[in-house]
């Protein structure tokens, strides 16, 4: 059994920088503040489908 992964994309540049395991119990998209190496700063990253 392998875990399905979803990408976290930067809200500024749109690059997919992080991947997290999918959680079926979460109904809303995950939003985290993470470092974006393309922007060079901490930005909001949102779960993509």
N, C-alpha and C. Protein backbone atom coordinates (compact mmCIF):
# COMPACT_ATOMS: atom_id res chain seq x y z
N UNK A 1 0.84 -1.18 0.00
CA UNK A 1 0.00 0.00 0.00
C UNK A 1 0.89 1.24 0.00
N UNK A 2 0.76 2.04 -1.02
CA UNK A 2 1.54 3.27 -1.08
C UNK A 2 0.63 4.46 -0.82
N UNK A 3 1.17 5.44 -0.13
CA UNK A 3 0.40 6.64 0.18
C UNK A 3 0.34 7.54 -1.04
N UNK A 4 -0.84 8.05 -1.33
CA UNK A 4 -0.98 9.03 -2.39
C UNK A 4 -0.50 10.36 -1.88
N UNK A 5 0.16 11.13 -2.71
CA UNK A 5 0.70 12.41 -2.29
C UNK A 5 0.05 13.54 -3.07
N UNK A 6 -0.13 14.66 -2.40
CA UNK A 6 -0.65 15.86 -3.05
C UNK A 6 0.43 16.93 -2.99
N UNK A 7 0.43 17.81 -3.97
CA UNK A 7 1.45 18.85 -4.06
C UNK A 7 0.97 20.11 -3.37
N UNK A 8 1.95 20.85 -2.81
CA UNK A 8 1.68 22.18 -2.27
C UNK A 8 2.33 23.18 -3.23
N UNK A 9 1.52 24.07 -3.80
CA UNK A 9 2.01 25.03 -4.78
C UNK A 9 2.07 26.43 -4.18
N UNK A 10 3.10 27.16 -4.53
CA UNK A 10 3.28 28.54 -4.08
C UNK A 10 2.17 29.41 -4.67
N UNK A 11 1.56 30.24 -3.83
CA UNK A 11 0.47 31.09 -4.30
C UNK A 11 0.99 32.29 -5.10
N UNK A 12 2.29 32.58 -5.01
CA UNK A 12 2.86 33.72 -5.73
C UNK A 12 3.32 33.30 -7.14
N UNK A 13 4.19 32.30 -7.22
CA UNK A 13 4.75 31.91 -8.52
C UNK A 13 4.12 30.64 -9.10
N UNK A 14 3.40 29.87 -8.28
CA UNK A 14 2.70 28.68 -8.78
C UNK A 14 3.55 27.42 -8.84
N UNK A 15 4.82 27.49 -8.43
CA UNK A 15 5.68 26.31 -8.45
C UNK A 15 5.26 25.31 -7.39
N UNK A 16 5.30 24.02 -7.72
CA UNK A 16 4.98 22.97 -6.76
C UNK A 16 6.26 22.55 -6.05
N UNK A 17 6.40 22.99 -4.80
CA UNK A 17 7.66 22.81 -4.08
C UNK A 17 7.63 21.70 -3.06
N UNK A 18 6.46 21.37 -2.52
CA UNK A 18 6.36 20.38 -1.45
C UNK A 18 5.30 19.35 -1.77
N UNK A 19 5.50 18.12 -1.25
CA UNK A 19 4.54 17.04 -1.41
C UNK A 19 4.23 16.46 -0.04
N UNK A 20 2.94 16.30 0.26
CA UNK A 20 2.51 15.77 1.55
C UNK A 20 1.56 14.59 1.30
N UNK A 21 1.48 13.64 2.25
CA UNK A 21 0.56 12.52 2.09
C UNK A 21 -0.89 13.01 2.09
N UNK A 22 -1.70 12.38 1.28
CA UNK A 22 -3.11 12.73 1.18
C UNK A 22 -3.86 12.25 2.42
N UNK A 23 -4.77 13.06 2.90
CA UNK A 23 -5.59 12.73 4.05
C UNK A 23 -7.05 12.81 3.62
N UNK A 24 -7.74 11.66 3.58
CA UNK A 24 -9.13 11.62 3.12
C UNK A 24 -10.08 12.34 4.08
N UNK A 25 -9.68 12.48 5.35
CA UNK A 25 -10.55 13.12 6.34
C UNK A 25 -10.56 14.64 6.20
N UNK A 26 -9.56 15.20 5.53
CA UNK A 26 -9.48 16.65 5.35
C UNK A 26 -10.39 17.04 4.19
N UNK A 27 -11.37 17.91 4.46
CA UNK A 27 -12.33 18.29 3.42
C UNK A 27 -11.91 19.58 2.70
N UNK A 28 -11.20 20.47 3.40
CA UNK A 28 -10.75 21.71 2.77
C UNK A 28 -9.30 21.57 2.33
N UNK A 29 -8.90 22.40 1.39
CA UNK A 29 -7.52 22.36 0.92
C UNK A 29 -6.56 22.85 1.99
N UNK A 30 -5.45 22.16 2.12
CA UNK A 30 -4.43 22.50 3.10
C UNK A 30 -3.71 23.78 2.68
N UNK A 31 -3.50 24.68 3.63
CA UNK A 31 -2.78 25.92 3.39
C UNK A 31 -1.70 26.07 4.45
N UNK A 32 -0.44 26.21 4.02
CA UNK A 32 0.69 26.34 4.94
C UNK A 32 1.61 27.46 4.48
N UNK A 33 2.30 28.08 5.44
CA UNK A 33 3.35 29.03 5.11
C UNK A 33 4.66 28.26 5.00
N UNK A 34 5.24 28.23 3.80
CA UNK A 34 6.47 27.49 3.55
C UNK A 34 7.43 28.37 2.76
N UNK A 35 8.71 27.99 2.78
CA UNK A 35 9.73 28.71 2.02
C UNK A 35 9.68 28.29 0.55
N UNK A 36 9.67 29.26 -0.33
CA UNK A 36 9.71 29.01 -1.77
C UNK A 36 11.09 29.37 -2.29
N UNK A 37 11.79 28.39 -2.82
CA UNK A 37 13.16 28.66 -3.31
C UNK A 37 13.16 29.49 -4.59
N UNK A 38 12.04 29.52 -5.30
CA UNK A 38 11.97 30.31 -6.53
C UNK A 38 11.72 31.79 -6.22
N UNK A 39 10.88 32.07 -5.21
CA UNK A 39 10.60 33.45 -4.79
C UNK A 39 11.67 33.96 -3.83
N UNK A 40 12.31 33.04 -3.09
CA UNK A 40 13.34 33.42 -2.14
C UNK A 40 12.80 33.92 -0.81
N UNK A 41 11.54 33.59 -0.51
CA UNK A 41 10.94 34.02 0.75
C UNK A 41 9.83 33.05 1.17
N UNK A 42 9.31 33.26 2.37
CA UNK A 42 8.23 32.43 2.87
C UNK A 42 6.92 32.95 2.28
N UNK A 43 6.16 32.05 1.65
CA UNK A 43 4.89 32.41 1.03
C UNK A 43 3.83 31.38 1.42
N UNK A 44 2.60 31.69 1.11
CA UNK A 44 1.50 30.75 1.33
C UNK A 44 1.54 29.67 0.26
N UNK A 45 1.50 28.41 0.70
CA UNK A 45 1.44 27.27 -0.22
C UNK A 45 0.11 26.57 -0.02
N UNK A 46 -0.57 26.30 -1.14
CA UNK A 46 -1.89 25.67 -1.08
C UNK A 46 -1.85 24.30 -1.74
N UNK A 47 -2.68 23.40 -1.25
CA UNK A 47 -2.79 22.05 -1.79
C UNK A 47 -3.39 22.11 -3.18
N UNK A 48 -2.77 21.40 -4.12
CA UNK A 48 -3.31 21.28 -5.48
C UNK A 48 -3.90 19.89 -5.63
N UNK A 49 -4.79 19.76 -6.57
CA UNK A 49 -5.46 18.47 -6.78
C UNK A 49 -5.00 17.84 -8.07
